[in-house]
Amino acid sequence: MNKNLKDQLKQIISEELDVNLKLNEISEDISLFEDGLGLDSVAIVEFICLIEDRYRFQFSDEELAMGPFKNLITLSELIAKKITTDIS
């Protein structure tokens, strides 16, 4: 499921965010921020909103720390946990 989640997150970035990135330019282990993909704070907030809408959950304040948003691997792991927890 995580591979599918990572692919879905890549698609959100390339198709729904106002960034100039193509799907094949997005690596799942690179930072989402300026030192990697270069997403600024506005793009990150938009990305968070899109994720919450798509997967129908809300991040807690603690989850919005930079750690889970380090890259698509850590972010997909958090989303998978939240989806699993919400289903249980």
Foldseek 3Di string as FASTA:
>chain_A
DLVVQLLVLLCCLPPPFPDPDDSVQADQQAFPDCRGVNDDPVRVVVSQVVLCVVLVHHDDPVRPPCVCRRGSNSVSVVSVVVSVVVVD
